[in-house]
Amino acid sequence: MSLIEPIATAAPLLVGWTTTGLFYRRRLAAARRCPLTQLPTRDGWEKAALRRTLRGNAAVAVIDLDGFKGVNDTFGHAAGDAVLKATGHRLHLWAGASDGTAGRLGGDEFALVMSSDDFQTGIEQLHELLTAPVDWQGQQLEVGASIGAVPTDGLTLSEALAHADQAMYQAKGSGGRRGPRRHQADAKTSPEVTR
């Protein structure tokens, strides 16, 4: 028996395993990306954010769109989708220019990890960008944005997210559409930015 016969027998199996592996790898990559905004989903964003925070000089922001439900209720879900797509695109561009990564946490909530250099000024610019009207079928759709941001110095990613989330809800104010979430208090205090 020559070596060619076992190779010829195994070749279809190898091609099948390779094809199946590529198929599942693509499906997994697609599952880690929001199909609407093309931003990483929570799991994918957290992995990228952890890598970015380990490099140091980082800040984390949590963003919630204000008035988004009103857009959906008034103009329909297609209009809401247009707002989410525009927000995802704007965040992606802004994050790229800020040595960071944006992600969609779910619904109308987003997260951002970025360089902490001048992040307070950057958050003001980001707020202006996110609250610019979205043109949809001749309508100017307007939403607000509540942003909470903290530098990650001395904090784990989970702690920084919790602080940024609290800052975002403070920015939203007591009249916001969601109540504050409860987090365990941390002995460390860090400067927070709210907008």
N, C-alpha and C. Protein backbone atom coordinates (compact mmCIF):
# COMPACT_ATOMS: atom_id res chain seq x y z
N MET A 1 0.84 -1.17 0.00
CA MET A 1 0.00 0.00 0.00
C MET A 1 0.89 1.24 0.00
N SER A 2 0.57 2.16 -0.86
CA SER A 2 1.37 3.37 -0.95
C SER A 2 0.81 4.44 -0.01
N LEU A 3 1.57 5.45 0.16
CA LEU A 3 1.20 6.58 1.03
C LEU A 3 0.08 7.42 0.41
N ILE A 4 -0.09 7.34 -0.87
CA ILE A 4 -1.09 8.14 -1.58
C ILE A 4 -2.51 7.73 -1.20
N GLU A 5 -2.74 6.42 -1.02
CA GLU A 5 -4.09 5.96 -0.70
C GLU A 5 -4.63 6.53 0.62
N PRO A 6 -3.87 6.50 1.76
CA PRO A 6 -4.40 7.09 2.99
C PRO A 6 -4.59 8.60 2.88
N ILE A 7 -3.71 9.27 2.16
CA ILE A 7 -3.84 10.72 1.98
C ILE A 7 -5.09 11.03 1.17
N ALA A 8 -5.32 10.27 0.11
CA ALA A 8 -6.51 10.47 -0.72
C ALA A 8 -7.77 10.19 0.08
N THR A 9 -7.73 9.24 0.99
CA THR A 9 -8.89 8.92 1.81
C THR A 9 -9.14 10.03 2.85
N ALA A 10 -8.07 10.57 3.41
CA ALA A 10 -8.20 11.58 4.47
C ALA A 10 -8.48 12.98 3.93
N ALA A 11 -8.15 13.24 2.69
CA ALA A 11 -8.29 14.59 2.12
C ALA A 11 -9.72 15.13 2.22
N PRO A 12 -10.74 14.38 1.86
CA PRO A 12 -12.10 14.92 2.00
C PRO A 12 -12.46 15.27 3.45
N LEU A 13 -11.99 14.44 4.38
CA LEU A 13 -12.25 14.74 5.79
C LEU A 13 -11.58 16.04 6.21
N LEU A 14 -10.34 16.22 5.81
CA LEU A 14 -9.62 17.45 6.15
C LEU A 14 -10.29 18.68 5.55
N VAL A 15 -10.73 18.57 4.32
CA VAL A 15 -11.43 19.69 3.68
C VAL A 15 -12.74 19.98 4.42
N GLY A 16 -13.45 18.95 4.81
CA GLY A 16 -14.70 19.12 5.55
C GLY A 16 -14.47 19.77 6.89
N TRP A 17 -13.45 19.31 7.63
CA TRP A 17 -13.15 19.89 8.94
C TRP A 17 -12.73 21.35 8.80
N THR A 18 -11.92 21.64 7.81
CA THR A 18 -11.46 23.01 7.59
C THR A 18 -12.62 23.92 7.23
N THR A 19 -13.48 23.45 6.34
CA THR A 19 -14.65 24.25 5.94
C THR A 19 -15.57 24.50 7.13
N THR A 20 -15.82 23.46 7.92
CA THR A 20 -16.67 23.61 9.10
C THR A 20 -16.04 24.57 10.10
N GLY A 21 -14.74 24.45 10.31
CA GLY A 21 -14.05 25.34 11.23
C GLY A 21 -14.14 26.79 10.79
N LEU A 22 -13.95 27.05 9.51
CA LEU A 22 -14.06 28.42 8.98
C LEU A 22 -15.48 28.95 9.12
N PHE A 23 -16.45 28.09 8.86
CA PHE A 23 -17.85 28.49 8.98
C PHE A 23 -18.15 28.93 10.41
N TYR A 24 -17.76 28.12 11.40
CA TYR A 24 -18.04 28.47 12.80
C TYR A 24 -17.23 29.67 13.27
N ARG A 25 -16.03 29.82 12.78
CA ARG A 25 -15.21 30.99 13.14
C ARG A 25 -15.89 32.27 12.64
N ARG A 26 -16.42 32.25 11.42
CA ARG A 26 -17.12 33.42 10.87
C ARG A 26 -18.40 33.69 11.64
N ARG A 27 -19.13 32.63 12.01
CA ARG A 27 -20.37 32.80 12.79
C ARG A 27 -20.08 33.40 14.16
N LEU A 28 -19.00 32.95 14.79
CA LEU A 28 -18.61 33.47 16.10
C LEU A 28 -18.21 34.94 15.99
N ALA A 29 -17.44 35.28 14.96
CA ALA A 29 -17.05 36.68 14.76
C ALA A 29 -18.27 37.55 14.52
N ALA A 30 -19.23 37.06 13.76
CA ALA A 30 -20.45 37.83 13.49
C ALA A 30 -21.26 38.00 14.77
N ALA A 31 -21.26 37.01 15.64
CA ALA A 31 -22.01 37.10 16.89
C ALA A 31 -21.40 38.12 17.84
N ARG A 32 -20.14 38.42 17.68
CA ARG A 32 -19.47 39.40 18.54
C ARG A 32 -19.60 40.82 18.01
N ARG A 33 -20.33 40.99 16.93
CA ARG A 33 -20.56 42.31 16.34
C ARG A 33 -22.04 42.56 16.23
N CYS A 34 -22.44 43.76 16.58
CA CYS A 34 -23.85 44.14 16.43
C CYS A 34 -24.14 44.29 14.94
N PRO A 35 -25.11 43.57 14.40
CA PRO A 35 -25.37 43.67 12.96
C PRO A 35 -25.90 45.04 12.54
N LEU A 36 -26.49 45.77 13.46
CA LEU A 36 -27.05 47.08 13.14
C LEU A 36 -25.99 48.18 13.13
N THR A 37 -25.17 48.24 14.19
CA THR A 37 -24.19 49.32 14.32
C THR A 37 -22.80 48.93 13.83
N GLN A 38 -22.57 47.65 13.66
CA GLN A 38 -21.27 47.10 13.30
C GLN A 38 -20.22 47.30 14.40
N LEU A 39 -20.65 47.68 15.59
CA LEU A 39 -19.75 47.80 16.73
C LEU A 39 -19.66 46.45 17.43
N PRO A 40 -18.58 46.21 18.17
CA PRO A 40 -18.52 44.99 18.97
C PRO A 40 -19.66 44.96 19.99
N THR A 41 -20.16 43.76 20.27
CA THR A 41 -21.15 43.60 21.34
C THR A 41 -20.40 43.63 22.67
N ARG A 42 -21.13 43.51 23.76
CA ARG A 42 -20.53 43.63 25.10
C ARG A 42 -19.30 42.74 25.26
N ASP A 43 -19.40 41.47 24.92
CA ASP A 43 -18.29 40.55 25.11
C ASP A 43 -17.07 40.96 24.30
N GLY A 44 -17.27 41.27 23.03
CA GLY A 44 -16.15 41.69 22.18
C GLY A 44 -15.55 43.00 22.64
N TRP A 45 -16.41 43.94 23.05
CA TRP A 45 -15.91 45.24 23.50
C TRP A 45 -15.10 45.08 24.78
N GLU A 46 -15.60 44.27 25.72
CA GLU A 46 -14.88 44.11 26.98
C GLU A 46 -13.49 43.52 26.77
N LYS A 47 -13.36 42.60 25.83
CA LYS A 47 -12.03 42.03 25.54
C LYS A 47 -11.10 43.10 24.98
N ALA A 48 -11.61 43.91 24.04
CA ALA A 48 -10.79 44.99 23.46
C ALA A 48 -10.48 46.05 24.52
N ALA A 49 -11.46 46.37 25.36
CA ALA A 49 -11.27 47.38 26.40
C ALA A 49 -10.23 46.92 27.42
N LEU A 50 -10.25 45.65 27.77
CA LEU A 50 -9.27 45.13 28.71
C LEU A 50 -7.86 45.26 28.14
N ARG A 51 -7.70 44.91 26.87
CA ARG A 51 -6.38 45.05 26.22
C ARG A 51 -5.95 46.52 26.24
N ARG A 52 -6.89 47.44 25.96
CA ARG A 52 -6.55 48.87 25.93
C ARG A 52 -6.21 49.39 27.31
N THR A 53 -6.95 48.99 28.33
CA THR A 53 -6.68 49.49 29.68
C THR A 53 -5.35 48.95 30.22
N LEU A 54 -4.97 47.75 29.83
CA LEU A 54 -3.70 47.19 30.28
C LEU A 54 -2.51 47.98 29.74
N ARG A 55 -2.69 48.68 28.64
CA ARG A 55 -1.63 49.53 28.09
C ARG A 55 -1.46 50.81 28.92
N GLY A 56 -2.45 51.12 29.75
CA GLY A 56 -2.38 52.31 30.60
C GLY A 56 -2.90 53.54 29.90
N ASN A 57 -3.01 54.64 30.68
CA ASN A 57 -3.46 55.92 30.13
C ASN A 57 -4.80 55.79 29.42
N ALA A 58 -5.77 55.17 30.11
CA ALA A 58 -7.07 54.91 29.48
C ALA A 58 -8.20 55.48 30.33
N ALA A 59 -9.32 55.70 29.68
CA ALA A 59 -10.55 56.11 30.34
C ALA A 59 -11.69 55.31 29.73
N VAL A 60 -12.74 55.12 30.52
CA VAL A 60 -13.92 54.38 30.08
C VAL A 60 -15.13 55.29 30.16
N ALA A 61 -15.99 55.21 29.16
CA ALA A 61 -17.22 56.00 29.15
C ALA A 61 -18.40 55.08 28.88
N VAL A 62 -19.53 55.40 29.49
CA VAL A 62 -20.80 54.74 29.22
C VAL A 62 -21.75 55.81 28.70
N ILE A 63 -22.41 55.51 27.59
CA ILE A 63 -23.27 56.48 26.90
C ILE A 63 -24.67 55.89 26.78
N ASP A 64 -25.66 56.70 27.12
CA ASP A 64 -27.05 56.30 26.96
C ASP A 64 -27.75 57.38 26.16
N LEU A 65 -28.49 56.99 25.14
CA LEU A 65 -29.19 57.97 24.31
C LEU A 65 -30.48 58.42 25.01
N ASP A 66 -30.65 59.72 25.13
CA ASP A 66 -31.83 60.30 25.76
C ASP A 66 -32.86 60.62 24.68
N GLY A 67 -34.09 60.22 24.89
CA GLY A 67 -35.15 60.50 23.94
C GLY A 67 -35.24 59.47 22.82
N PHE A 68 -34.50 58.39 22.92
CA PHE A 68 -34.51 57.38 21.87
C PHE A 68 -35.89 56.71 21.76
N LYS A 69 -36.50 56.41 22.88
CA LYS A 69 -37.82 55.78 22.86
C LYS A 69 -38.83 56.68 22.15
N GLY A 70 -38.71 57.98 22.34
CA GLY A 70 -39.60 58.92 21.66
C GLY A 70 -39.46 58.86 20.15
N VAL A 71 -38.24 58.69 19.67
CA VAL A 71 -38.01 58.56 18.23
C VAL A 71 -38.69 57.29 17.72
N ASN A 72 -38.50 56.18 18.43
CA ASN A 72 -39.14 54.92 18.04
C ASN A 72 -40.66 55.05 18.06
N ASP A 73 -41.19 55.65 19.11
CA ASP A 73 -42.65 55.77 19.25
C ASP A 73 -43.26 56.70 18.21
N THR A 74 -42.56 57.77 17.88
CA THR A 74 -43.08 58.77 16.95
C THR A 74 -42.88 58.38 15.49
N PHE A 75 -41.69 57.91 15.15
CA PHE A 75 -41.34 57.68 13.75
C PHE A 75 -41.24 56.20 13.37
N GLY A 76 -41.23 55.31 14.34
CA GLY A 76 -41.14 53.88 14.06
C GLY A 76 -39.74 53.32 14.26
N HIS A 77 -39.67 52.00 14.24
CA HIS A 77 -38.41 51.33 14.52
C HIS A 77 -37.36 51.56 13.44
N ALA A 78 -37.76 51.77 12.21
CA ALA A 78 -36.78 52.04 11.16
C ALA A 78 -36.03 53.35 11.46
N ALA A 79 -36.74 54.33 11.99
CA ALA A 79 -36.10 55.59 12.38
C ALA A 79 -35.17 55.36 13.56
N GLY A 80 -35.63 54.56 14.53
CA GLY A 80 -34.76 54.22 15.66
C GLY A 80 -33.51 53.51 15.21
N ASP A 81 -33.65 52.59 14.25
CA ASP A 81 -32.49 51.89 13.71
C ASP A 81 -31.53 52.87 13.04
N ALA A 82 -32.07 53.88 12.36
CA ALA A 82 -31.21 54.89 11.71
C ALA A 82 -30.41 55.66 12.75
N VAL A 83 -31.04 55.97 13.88
CA VAL A 83 -30.33 56.67 14.95
C VAL A 83 -29.23 55.79 15.53
N LEU A 84 -29.54 54.51 15.76
CA LEU A 84 -28.53 53.60 16.29
C LEU A 84 -27.37 53.41 15.32
N LYS A 85 -27.67 53.29 14.03
CA LYS A 85 -26.61 53.16 13.03
C LYS A 85 -25.73 54.40 13.01
N ALA A 86 -26.35 55.58 13.03
CA ALA A 86 -25.58 56.82 13.02
C ALA A 86 -24.74 56.94 14.29
N THR A 87 -25.31 56.57 15.42
CA THR A 87 -24.55 56.62 16.67
C THR A 87 -23.37 55.67 16.62
N GLY A 88 -23.59 54.45 16.13
CA GLY A 88 -22.50 53.49 16.00
C GLY A 88 -21.40 54.00 15.09
N HIS A 89 -21.77 54.59 13.97
CA HIS A 89 -20.79 55.13 13.04
C HIS A 89 -20.00 56.28 13.67
N ARG A 90 -20.70 57.18 14.33
CA ARG A 90 -20.04 58.32 14.98
C ARG A 90 -19.10 57.86 16.08
N LEU A 91 -19.54 56.90 16.88
CA LEU A 91 -18.68 56.38 17.95
C LEU A 91 -17.45 55.68 17.39
N HIS A 92 -17.64 54.91 16.34
CA HIS A 92 -16.52 54.21 15.71
C HIS A 92 -15.46 55.21 15.22
N LEU A 93 -15.91 56.25 14.54
CA LEU A 93 -14.96 57.26 14.04
C LEU A 93 -14.27 57.97 15.18
N TRP A 94 -15.05 58.37 16.18
CA TRP A 94 -14.48 59.10 17.31
C TRP A 94 -13.50 58.24 18.08
N ALA A 95 -13.84 56.97 18.32
CA ALA A 95 -12.96 56.08 19.06
C ALA A 95 -11.65 55.86 18.32
N GLY A 96 -11.73 55.71 17.00
CA GLY A 96 -10.51 55.52 16.21
C GLY A 96 -9.56 56.70 16.33
N ALA A 97 -10.11 57.90 16.41
CA ALA A 97 -9.28 59.10 16.54
C ALA A 97 -8.78 59.29 17.96
N SER A 98 -9.35 58.56 18.91
CA SER A 98 -9.00 58.72 20.34
C SER A 98 -8.28 57.49 20.89
N ASP A 99 -7.65 56.70 20.00
CA ASP A 99 -6.93 55.50 20.42
C ASP A 99 -7.82 54.61 21.27
N GLY A 100 -9.04 54.37 20.79
CA GLY A 100 -9.97 53.60 21.59
C GLY A 100 -10.83 52.66 20.78
N THR A 101 -11.81 52.09 21.47
CA THR A 101 -12.77 51.17 20.87
C THR A 101 -14.14 51.46 21.44
N ALA A 102 -15.13 51.50 20.58
CA ALA A 102 -16.52 51.68 21.00
C ALA A 102 -17.24 50.35 20.88
N GLY A 103 -18.28 50.18 21.68
CA GLY A 103 -19.08 48.96 21.62
C GLY A 103 -20.52 49.27 21.98
N ARG A 104 -21.41 48.38 21.55
CA ARG A 104 -22.82 48.52 21.91
C ARG A 104 -23.12 47.52 23.01
N LEU A 105 -23.53 48.03 24.17
CA LEU A 105 -23.83 47.17 25.31
C LEU A 105 -25.20 46.55 25.19
N GLY A 106 -26.09 47.22 24.48
CA GLY A 106 -27.44 46.71 24.30
C GLY A 106 -28.41 47.87 24.27
N GLY A 107 -29.53 47.70 23.59
CA GLY A 107 -30.52 48.76 23.50
C GLY A 107 -29.90 50.04 22.96
N ASP A 108 -30.06 51.13 23.71
CA ASP A 108 -29.48 52.41 23.30
C ASP A 108 -28.32 52.79 24.21
N GLU A 109 -27.61 51.79 24.73
CA GLU A 109 -26.47 52.03 25.62
C GLU A 109 -25.19 51.55 24.95
N PHE A 110 -24.18 52.41 25.02
CA PHE A 110 -22.91 52.16 24.36
C PHE A 110 -21.78 52.34 25.37
N ALA A 111 -20.61 51.82 25.05
CA ALA A 111 -19.43 51.99 25.89
C ALA A 111 -18.25 52.37 25.01
N LEU A 112 -17.29 53.00 25.65
CA LEU A 112 -16.13 53.50 24.93
C LEU A 112 -14.92 53.38 25.85
N VAL A 113 -13.82 52.91 25.33
CA VAL A 113 -12.55 52.98 26.03
C VAL A 113 -11.66 53.84 25.15
N MET A 114 -10.91 54.75 25.76
CA MET A 114 -10.13 55.73 24.99
C MET A 114 -8.91 56.15 25.78
N SER A 115 -8.07 56.93 25.15
CA SER A 115 -6.94 57.54 25.83
C SER A 115 -7.46 58.51 26.87
N SER A 116 -6.82 58.55 28.02
CA SER A 116 -7.28 59.48 29.06
C SER A 116 -6.70 60.88 28.89
N ASP A 117 -5.84 61.08 27.89
CA ASP A 117 -5.32 62.42 27.62
C ASP A 117 -6.48 63.33 27.24
N ASP A 118 -6.66 64.37 28.01
CA ASP A 118 -7.70 65.37 27.74
C ASP A 118 -9.07 64.74 27.52
N PHE A 119 -9.38 63.68 28.26
CA PHE A 119 -10.67 63.02 28.02
C PHE A 119 -11.84 63.90 28.42
N GLN A 120 -11.62 64.83 29.36
CA GLN A 120 -12.74 65.71 29.74
C GLN A 120 -13.16 66.58 28.56
N THR A 121 -12.17 67.15 27.86
CA THR A 121 -12.48 67.93 26.67
C THR A 121 -13.05 67.03 25.58
N GLY A 122 -12.50 65.84 25.46
CA GLY A 122 -12.98 64.89 24.47
C GLY A 122 -14.43 64.50 24.67
N ILE A 123 -14.85 64.36 25.92
CA ILE A 123 -16.24 63.99 26.20
C ILE A 123 -17.18 65.10 25.75
N GLU A 124 -16.77 66.36 25.93
CA GLU A 124 -17.59 67.48 25.45
C GLU A 124 -17.75 67.40 23.92
N GLN A 125 -16.66 67.12 23.22
CA GLN A 125 -16.72 66.99 21.76
C GLN A 125 -17.57 65.80 21.35
N LEU A 126 -17.43 64.70 22.08
CA LEU A 126 -18.22 63.50 21.78
C LEU A 126 -19.71 63.80 21.97
N HIS A 127 -20.04 64.52 23.02
CA HIS A 127 -21.44 64.86 23.29
C HIS A 127 -22.01 65.66 22.12
N GLU A 128 -21.27 66.63 21.63
CA GLU A 128 -21.73 67.42 20.48
C GLU A 128 -21.95 66.54 19.26
N LEU A 129 -21.02 65.63 19.02
CA LEU A 129 -21.12 64.73 17.87
C LEU A 129 -22.35 63.83 17.97
N LEU A 130 -22.58 63.27 19.15
CA LEU A 130 -23.69 62.32 19.31
C LEU A 130 -25.06 62.98 19.30
N THR A 131 -25.12 64.25 19.66
CA THR A 131 -26.42 64.93 19.71
C THR A 131 -26.74 65.68 18.42
N ALA A 132 -25.86 65.59 17.44
CA ALA A 132 -26.17 66.19 16.13
C ALA A 132 -27.36 65.44 15.53
N PRO A 133 -28.30 66.15 14.89
CA PRO A 133 -29.48 65.47 14.32
C PRO A 133 -29.08 64.41 13.28
N VAL A 134 -29.91 63.40 13.18
CA VAL A 134 -29.73 62.33 12.20
C VAL A 134 -30.79 62.55 11.12
N ASP A 135 -30.33 62.67 9.88
CA ASP A 135 -31.26 62.86 8.76
C ASP A 135 -31.84 61.49 8.39
N TRP A 136 -33.18 61.40 8.41
CA TRP A 136 -33.85 60.15 8.06
C TRP A 136 -35.11 60.50 7.27
N GLN A 137 -35.12 60.12 6.01
CA GLN A 137 -36.27 60.33 5.12
C GLN A 137 -36.79 61.77 5.21
N GLY A 138 -35.87 62.71 5.16
CA GLY A 138 -36.23 64.12 5.19
C GLY A 138 -36.55 64.67 6.57
N GLN A 139 -36.54 63.82 7.58
CA GLN A 139 -36.78 64.25 8.97
C GLN A 139 -35.44 64.42 9.67
N GLN A 140 -35.38 65.37 10.58
CA GLN A 140 -34.21 65.53 11.43
C GLN A 140 -34.52 64.89 12.78
N LEU A 141 -33.97 63.73 13.02
CA LEU A 141 -34.21 63.01 14.27
C LEU A 141 -33.20 63.47 15.31
N GLU A 142 -33.70 63.88 16.46
CA GLU A 142 -32.82 64.39 17.50
C GLU A 142 -32.93 63.53 18.75
N VAL A 143 -31.78 63.17 19.28
CA VAL A 143 -31.70 62.49 20.58
C VAL A 143 -30.61 63.18 21.38
N GLY A 144 -30.70 63.04 22.68
CA GLY A 144 -29.65 63.53 23.56
C GLY A 144 -28.72 62.38 23.89
N ALA A 145 -27.71 62.68 24.67
CA ALA A 145 -26.78 61.64 25.10
C ALA A 145 -26.31 61.96 26.51
N SER A 146 -26.48 61.02 27.41
CA SER A 146 -25.92 61.13 28.75
C SER A 146 -24.64 60.31 28.77
N ILE A 147 -23.55 60.94 29.19
CA ILE A 147 -22.24 60.29 29.15
C ILE A 147 -21.61 60.37 30.53
N GLY A 148 -21.13 59.26 31.01
CA GLY A 148 -20.33 59.21 32.24
C GLY A 148 -18.98 58.62 31.89
N ALA A 149 -17.91 59.26 32.35
CA ALA A 149 -16.57 58.78 32.00
C ALA A 149 -15.64 58.88 33.19
N VAL A 150 -14.75 57.91 33.31
CA VAL A 150 -13.75 57.90 34.38
C VAL A 150 -12.42 57.39 33.83
N PRO A 151 -11.31 57.91 34.36
CA PRO A 151 -10.02 57.29 34.02
C PRO A 151 -9.92 55.95 34.72
N THR A 152 -9.19 55.03 34.13
CA THR A 152 -9.11 53.68 34.69
C THR A 152 -7.96 53.51 35.66
N ASP A 153 -7.23 54.55 35.96
CA ASP A 153 -6.08 54.46 36.86
C ASP A 153 -6.44 53.75 38.16
N GLY A 154 -5.80 52.62 38.42
CA GLY A 154 -6.00 51.90 39.66
C GLY A 154 -7.31 51.14 39.75
N LEU A 155 -8.10 51.13 38.70
CA LEU A 155 -9.38 50.43 38.70
C LEU A 155 -9.34 49.26 37.75
N THR A 156 -10.07 48.21 38.09
CA THR A 156 -10.27 47.14 37.12
C THR A 156 -11.26 47.66 36.07
N LEU A 157 -11.37 46.97 34.97
CA LEU A 157 -12.33 47.37 33.94
C LEU A 157 -13.75 47.35 34.50
N SER A 158 -14.06 46.34 35.28
CA SER A 158 -15.39 46.23 35.87
C SER A 158 -15.67 47.41 36.80
N GLU A 159 -14.71 47.79 37.62
CA GLU A 159 -14.87 48.94 38.52
C GLU A 159 -15.04 50.23 37.73
N ALA A 160 -14.21 50.40 36.69
CA ALA A 160 -14.30 51.61 35.88
C ALA A 160 -15.66 51.70 35.19
N LEU A 161 -16.15 50.59 34.68
CA LEU A 161 -17.49 50.58 34.07
C LEU A 161 -18.57 50.95 35.08
N ALA A 162 -18.46 50.43 36.29
CA ALA A 162 -19.44 50.73 37.32
C ALA A 162 -19.43 52.23 37.66
N HIS A 163 -18.23 52.81 37.79
CA HIS A 163 -18.12 54.24 38.09
C HIS A 163 -18.65 55.08 36.92
N ALA A 164 -18.31 54.68 35.70
CA ALA A 164 -18.79 55.42 34.53
C ALA A 164 -20.30 55.31 34.42
N ASP A 165 -20.85 54.15 34.73
CA ASP A 165 -22.29 53.94 34.70
C ASP A 165 -22.98 54.85 35.72
N GLN A 166 -22.43 54.92 36.93
CA GLN A 166 -22.98 55.81 37.96
C GLN A 166 -22.92 57.26 37.51
N ALA A 167 -21.79 57.66 36.92
CA ALA A 167 -21.64 59.03 36.43
C ALA A 167 -22.63 59.32 35.31
N MET A 168 -22.89 58.34 34.46
CA MET A 168 -23.85 58.53 33.38
C MET A 168 -25.25 58.75 33.95
N TYR A 169 -25.62 57.99 34.96
CA TYR A 169 -26.94 58.17 35.56
C TYR A 169 -27.04 59.48 36.31
N GLN A 170 -25.94 59.96 36.87
CA GLN A 170 -25.95 61.29 37.48
C GLN A 170 -26.17 62.35 36.41
N ALA A 171 -25.55 62.15 35.25
CA ALA A 171 -25.73 63.09 34.14
C ALA A 171 -27.18 63.07 33.66
N LYS A 172 -27.76 61.92 33.66
CA LYS A 172 -29.14 61.78 33.23
C LYS A 172 -30.07 62.49 34.22
N GLY A 173 -29.67 62.56 35.49
CA GLY A 173 -30.44 63.28 36.49
C GLY A 173 -31.60 62.47 37.02
N SER A 174 -32.21 62.98 38.05
CA SER A 174 -33.30 62.25 38.69
C SER A 174 -34.53 62.16 37.80
N GLY A 175 -34.63 63.05 36.80
CA GLY A 175 -35.77 63.00 35.89
C GLY A 175 -35.54 62.08 34.72
N GLY A 176 -34.45 61.33 34.74
CA GLY A 176 -34.13 60.43 33.63
C GLY A 176 -35.13 59.31 33.50
N ARG A 177 -35.07 58.62 32.38
CA ARG A 177 -36.07 57.59 32.12
C ARG A 177 -35.75 56.27 32.80
N ARG A 178 -34.57 56.13 33.37
CA ARG A 178 -34.22 54.92 34.10
C ARG A 178 -33.71 55.31 35.48
N GLY A 179 -34.01 54.50 36.46
CA GLY A 179 -33.50 54.74 37.80
C GLY A 179 -32.05 54.35 37.90
N PRO A 180 -31.38 54.84 38.93
CA PRO A 180 -29.96 54.52 39.09
C PRO A 180 -29.77 53.04 39.40
N ARG A 181 -28.68 52.51 38.92
CA ARG A 181 -28.33 51.13 39.23
C ARG A 181 -27.53 51.14 40.52
N ARG A 182 -27.60 50.06 41.25
CA ARG A 182 -26.86 49.95 42.51
C ARG A 182 -25.52 49.26 42.24
N HIS A 183 -24.46 49.85 42.76
CA HIS A 183 -23.13 49.26 42.67
C HIS A 183 -22.52 49.29 44.06
N GLN A 184 -21.64 48.35 44.33
CA GLN A 184 -20.94 48.40 45.60
C GLN A 184 -20.00 49.59 45.58
N ALA A 185 -19.97 50.29 46.68
CA ALA A 185 -19.09 51.46 46.77
C ALA A 185 -17.65 50.97 46.85
N ASP A 186 -16.78 51.68 46.19
CA ASP A 186 -15.36 51.36 46.19
C ASP A 186 -14.67 52.37 47.09
N ALA A 187 -13.69 51.94 47.84
CA ALA A 187 -12.99 52.84 48.75
C ALA A 187 -12.24 53.92 47.98
N LYS A 188 -11.82 53.60 46.77
CA LYS A 188 -11.08 54.57 45.95
C LYS A 188 -12.07 55.53 45.32
N THR A 189 -11.66 56.75 45.17
CA THR A 189 -12.47 57.71 44.43
C THR A 189 -11.66 58.14 43.23
N SER A 190 -12.33 58.38 42.15
CA SER A 190 -11.66 58.81 40.93
C SER A 190 -12.46 59.93 40.32
N PRO A 191 -11.77 60.84 39.62
CA PRO A 191 -12.52 61.92 38.98
C PRO A 191 -13.47 61.35 37.95
N GLU A 192 -14.67 61.88 37.93
CA GLU A 192 -15.66 61.44 36.96
C GLU A 192 -16.10 62.63 36.15
N VAL A 193 -16.43 62.36 34.94
CA VAL A 193 -16.97 63.40 34.07
C VAL A 193 -18.36 62.98 33.68
N THR A 194 -19.29 63.91 33.80
CA THR A 194 -20.64 63.63 33.34
C THR A 194 -21.04 64.70 32.36
N ARG A 195 -21.85 64.33 31.44
CA ARG A 195 -22.35 65.30 30.44
C ARG A 195 -23.76 64.93 30.14
